[in-house]
Amino acid sequence: MTGRKRWSTEEILEAAVALLRTGDAESFSVRRLAATLGTDSSSLYRHFRNKTELLRAVADRILLTAMDGYRPEGDWRQRITALALCLRDAFGEQPELAAVWGRYGSGGTGSRLVMEEVLQALRASGLPDQEIPARYHRVVILIAALISSEAGISAITPEEYEQGMEQFRVAVLGADPERFPALSHFARDVRPLGADRRAAFEEILAAQLDDVGARIR
């Protein structure tokens, strides 16, 4: 009699990533994943204690992929910027998983690699050691928030995007100038969410790093 296939941790994570591409973290469940693999939930719980631990491992897998392609170069500021863009690109290829990272975080090797690089870069900046943990937290929270927000836009279909753009134009250009005087004044210059996303990402991150630089000076 042939026994049921034993799935490796890596195979389970690959299946979880594929399943998350078709849905989101809310609809994802260990039971659905087990059904996809043709097994029962108990076999997956040998690898992961619960859904949250599994999702954190999925997010960490993306961080590991990003860090594989990252090489620290330049000064502290260039290192953090390059790392942030590397993470952005990694989650940009799988935007559904960015929300998983933003919500569940990660505690694996990928997460430790990101933490180590940001902390080393901040230390190289000349900041006093006692200020580095708080600065690290602000930088990483900002990067995660920007990536999660951008991924939400990337995950919608072209039809949904066009519908959103039309609603934006109606809402902005059709605003009553008496009730919305500022909006009417800037209507033709206000950009919709999602426009020039990379430029906005870099500018917002640069403002945070400017604040760090000002503290050093």
Protein backbone atom coordinates (compact mmCIF):
# COMPACT_ATOMS: atom_id res chain seq x y z
CA MET A 1 0.00 0.00 0.00
CA THR A 2 1.43 3.38 -1.02
CA GLY A 3 1.64 5.98 1.75
CA ARG A 4 0.58 9.58 1.44
CA LYS A 5 3.28 11.90 0.07
CA ARG A 6 5.32 13.74 2.67
CA TRP A 7 5.62 17.39 1.69
CA SER A 8 8.80 19.30 2.52
CA THR A 9 8.69 22.74 4.12
CA GLU A 10 9.85 24.33 0.86
CA GLU A 11 7.16 22.56 -1.15
CA ILE A 12 4.50 23.72 1.31
CA LEU A 13 5.72 27.31 1.04
CA GLU A 14 5.72 27.17 -2.77
CA ALA A 15 2.12 25.91 -2.72
CA ALA A 16 1.15 28.63 -0.22
CA VAL A 17 2.64 31.33 -2.46
CA ALA A 18 0.72 29.98 -5.47
CA LEU A 19 -2.51 29.91 -3.46
CA LEU A 20 -2.02 33.46 -2.18
CA ARG A 21 -1.62 34.71 -5.75
CA THR A 22 -5.26 33.76 -6.34
CA GLY A 23 -6.61 35.32 -3.17
CA ASP A 24 -5.48 37.14 -0.04
CA ALA A 25 -4.44 36.45 3.53
CA GLU A 26 -8.03 36.68 4.75
CA SER A 27 -9.33 33.93 2.48
CA PHE A 28 -6.20 31.82 2.89
CA SER A 29 -6.41 28.89 5.31
CA VAL A 30 -4.30 25.89 6.23
CA ARG A 31 -7.24 23.67 5.31
CA ARG A 32 -7.41 25.13 1.77
CA LEU A 33 -3.66 24.73 1.38
CA ALA A 34 -3.85 21.11 2.56
CA ALA A 35 -6.64 20.42 0.05
CA THR A 36 -4.49 21.90 -2.72
CA LEU A 37 -1.67 19.55 -1.77
CA GLY A 38 -4.00 16.57 -1.49
CA THR A 39 -3.33 16.04 2.20
CA ASP A 40 -4.89 16.95 5.54
CA SER A 41 -4.18 19.92 7.78
CA SER A 42 -2.50 17.84 10.47
CA SER A 43 0.38 17.01 8.12
CA LEU A 44 1.07 20.74 7.60
CA TYR A 45 0.97 21.46 11.32
CA ARG A 46 4.08 19.33 11.66
CA HIS A 47 5.89 22.15 9.83
CA PHE A 48 3.97 25.21 11.04
CA ARG A 49 2.06 25.60 14.28
CA ASN A 50 -0.66 27.83 12.81
CA LYS A 51 -1.69 30.02 9.88
CA THR A 52 0.18 33.07 11.17
CA GLU A 53 3.46 31.18 11.44
CA LEU A 54 2.99 29.86 7.90
CA LEU A 55 2.27 33.33 6.49
CA ARG A 56 5.31 34.76 8.23
CA ALA A 57 7.42 32.05 6.62
CA VAL A 58 5.94 32.97 3.22
CA ALA A 59 6.88 36.63 3.75
CA ASP A 60 10.36 35.65 4.89
CA ARG A 61 10.81 33.65 1.69
CA ILE A 62 10.32 36.87 -0.31
CA LEU A 63 12.79 38.72 1.91
CA LEU A 64 15.37 35.99 1.33
CA THR A 65 14.87 36.29 -2.42
CA ALA A 66 15.35 40.05 -2.21
CA MET A 67 18.50 39.78 -0.12
CA ASP A 68 19.99 37.26 -2.54
CA GLY A 69 20.03 40.02 -5.14
CA TYR A 70 21.22 42.79 -2.83
CA ARG A 71 24.83 43.94 -2.54
CA PRO A 72 25.71 46.69 -0.03
CA GLU A 73 27.48 49.51 -1.85
CA GLY A 74 28.01 53.22 -1.24
CA ASP A 75 27.42 55.20 1.92
CA TRP A 76 24.80 54.49 4.59
CA ARG A 77 22.11 56.39 2.73
CA GLN A 78 22.75 54.66 -0.61
CA ARG A 79 22.69 51.29 1.14
CA ILE A 80 19.28 51.85 2.74
CA THR A 81 17.82 53.25 -0.48
CA ALA A 82 19.14 50.33 -2.54
CA LEU A 83 17.83 47.84 0.01
CA ALA A 84 14.38 49.47 0.02
CA LEU A 85 14.18 49.37 -3.78
CA CYS A 86 15.35 45.75 -3.77
CA LEU A 87 12.51 44.84 -1.39
CA ARG A 88 10.08 46.87 -3.47
CA ASP A 89 11.05 44.97 -6.62
CA ALA A 90 10.81 41.58 -4.89
CA PHE A 91 7.29 42.23 -3.58
CA GLY A 92 6.36 43.99 -6.82
CA GLU A 93 6.66 40.65 -8.61
CA GLN A 94 4.21 39.15 -6.10
CA PRO A 95 2.14 42.08 -4.80
CA GLU A 96 -0.39 39.85 -3.05
CA LEU A 97 2.35 38.85 -0.63
CA ALA A 98 3.32 42.42 0.31
CA ALA A 99 0.16 42.73 2.40
CA VAL A 100 1.12 39.49 4.14
CA TRP A 101 4.49 41.02 5.13
CA GLY A 102 2.89 44.30 6.17
CA ARG A 103 0.38 42.57 8.41
CA TYR A 104 2.17 39.48 9.71
CA GLY A 105 5.81 40.51 9.54
CA SER A 106 8.53 37.89 9.51
CA GLY A 107 10.91 36.39 11.99
CA GLY A 108 13.12 34.19 9.83
CA THR A 109 16.52 34.50 8.23
CA GLY A 110 15.30 36.93 5.57
CA SER A 111 13.99 39.28 8.21
CA ARG A 112 17.24 39.08 10.17
CA LEU A 113 19.24 39.88 7.02
CA VAL A 114 17.13 43.00 6.40
CA MET A 115 17.41 44.09 10.04
CA GLU A 116 21.17 43.53 10.06
CA GLU A 117 21.73 45.61 6.91
CA VAL A 118 19.59 48.55 8.05
CA LEU A 119 21.21 48.58 11.49
CA GLN A 120 24.70 48.36 10.00
CA ALA A 121 23.94 51.19 7.56
CA LEU A 122 22.59 53.41 10.34
CA ARG A 123 25.62 52.65 12.46
CA ALA A 124 27.88 53.61 9.54
CA SER A 125 26.05 56.94 9.33
CA GLY A 126 27.57 58.08 12.60
CA LEU A 127 24.38 58.11 14.63
CA PRO A 128 24.91 57.46 18.36
CA ASP A 129 24.14 53.83 19.21
CA GLN A 130 21.34 54.83 21.58
CA GLU A 131 19.40 56.50 18.73
CA ILE A 132 19.76 53.72 16.18
CA PRO A 133 16.95 51.35 17.34
CA ALA A 134 14.29 54.09 17.13
CA ARG A 135 15.57 55.28 13.74
CA TYR A 136 15.67 51.70 12.49
CA HIS A 137 12.04 51.20 13.49
CA ARG A 138 10.90 54.33 11.65
CA VAL A 139 12.78 53.43 8.48
CA VAL A 140 11.53 49.84 8.33
CA ILE A 141 7.93 50.77 9.18
CA LEU A 142 8.01 53.36 6.39
CA ILE A 143 9.44 50.92 3.83
CA ALA A 144 6.91 48.20 4.74
CA ALA A 145 4.00 50.68 4.61
CA LEU A 146 5.05 52.07 1.23
CA ILE A 147 5.50 48.61 -0.27
CA SER A 148 2.19 47.34 1.11
CA SER A 149 0.33 50.41 -0.13
CA GLU A 150 1.86 50.23 -3.58
CA ALA A 151 1.25 46.50 -3.83
CA GLY A 152 -2.43 47.05 -3.17
CA ILE A 153 -2.62 49.16 -6.31
CA SER A 154 -0.48 46.73 -8.33
CA ALA A 155 -2.77 43.81 -7.49
CA ILE A 156 -5.88 45.26 -9.17
CA THR A 157 -6.83 44.36 -12.73
CA PRO A 158 -6.40 46.81 -15.66
CA GLU A 159 -10.19 47.16 -15.81
CA GLU A 160 -10.36 48.03 -12.10
CA TYR A 161 -7.52 50.51 -12.55
CA GLU A 162 -9.26 52.30 -15.42
CA GLN A 163 -12.50 52.41 -13.48
CA GLY A 164 -10.64 53.95 -10.55
CA MET A 165 -9.01 56.55 -12.80
CA GLU A 166 -12.39 57.54 -14.21
CA GLN A 167 -13.84 57.89 -10.72
CA PHE A 168 -10.82 59.98 -9.74
CA ARG A 169 -11.32 62.34 -12.68
CA VAL A 170 -15.01 62.73 -11.91
CA ALA A 171 -14.37 63.30 -8.21
CA VAL A 172 -11.61 65.86 -8.76
CA LEU A 173 -12.58 67.74 -11.92
CA GLY A 174 -16.25 67.73 -10.98
CA ALA A 175 -15.75 69.01 -7.44
CA ASP A 176 -18.02 71.89 -6.39
CA PRO A 177 -15.68 74.92 -6.01
CA GLU A 178 -17.81 76.42 -3.26
CA ARG A 179 -17.66 73.31 -1.10
CA PHE A 180 -14.18 72.16 -2.16
CA PRO A 181 -12.30 75.37 -3.05
CA ALA A 182 -8.78 73.96 -2.57
CA LEU A 183 -9.56 70.79 -4.51
CA SER A 184 -11.04 72.82 -7.36
CA HIS A 185 -8.00 75.10 -7.40
CA PHE A 186 -5.50 72.23 -7.66
CA ALA A 187 -7.72 69.82 -9.60
CA ARG A 188 -5.66 69.71 -12.79
CA ASP A 189 -2.39 69.18 -10.91
CA VAL A 190 -3.40 66.64 -8.27
CA ARG A 191 -2.08 63.19 -9.17
CA PRO A 192 -4.05 59.99 -8.52
CA LEU A 193 -2.80 57.30 -6.18
CA GLY A 194 -0.49 55.05 -8.12
CA ALA A 195 0.96 57.73 -10.43
CA ASP A 196 4.78 57.88 -10.56
CA ARG A 197 4.96 55.30 -7.80
CA ARG A 198 8.72 54.70 -7.87
CA ALA A 199 9.46 58.43 -7.76
CA ALA A 200 7.06 58.90 -4.86
CA PHE A 201 8.58 55.92 -3.05
CA GLU A 202 12.10 57.34 -3.37
CA GLU A 203 11.06 60.89 -2.39
CA ILE A 204 9.22 59.78 0.76
CA LEU A 205 12.11 57.53 1.81
CA ALA A 206 14.59 60.33 1.06
CA ALA A 207 12.68 62.67 3.39
CA GLN A 208 13.05 60.15 6.23
CA LEU A 209 16.76 59.74 5.50
CA ASP A 210 17.16 63.54 5.32
CA ASP A 211 15.88 63.62 8.89
CA VAL A 212 18.52 61.09 9.91
CA GLY A 213 21.19 63.12 8.11
CA ALA A 214 20.10 66.31 9.86
CA ARG A 215 20.46 64.59 13.23
CA ILE A 216 24.00 63.53 12.35
CA ARG A 217 24.98 67.05 11.33
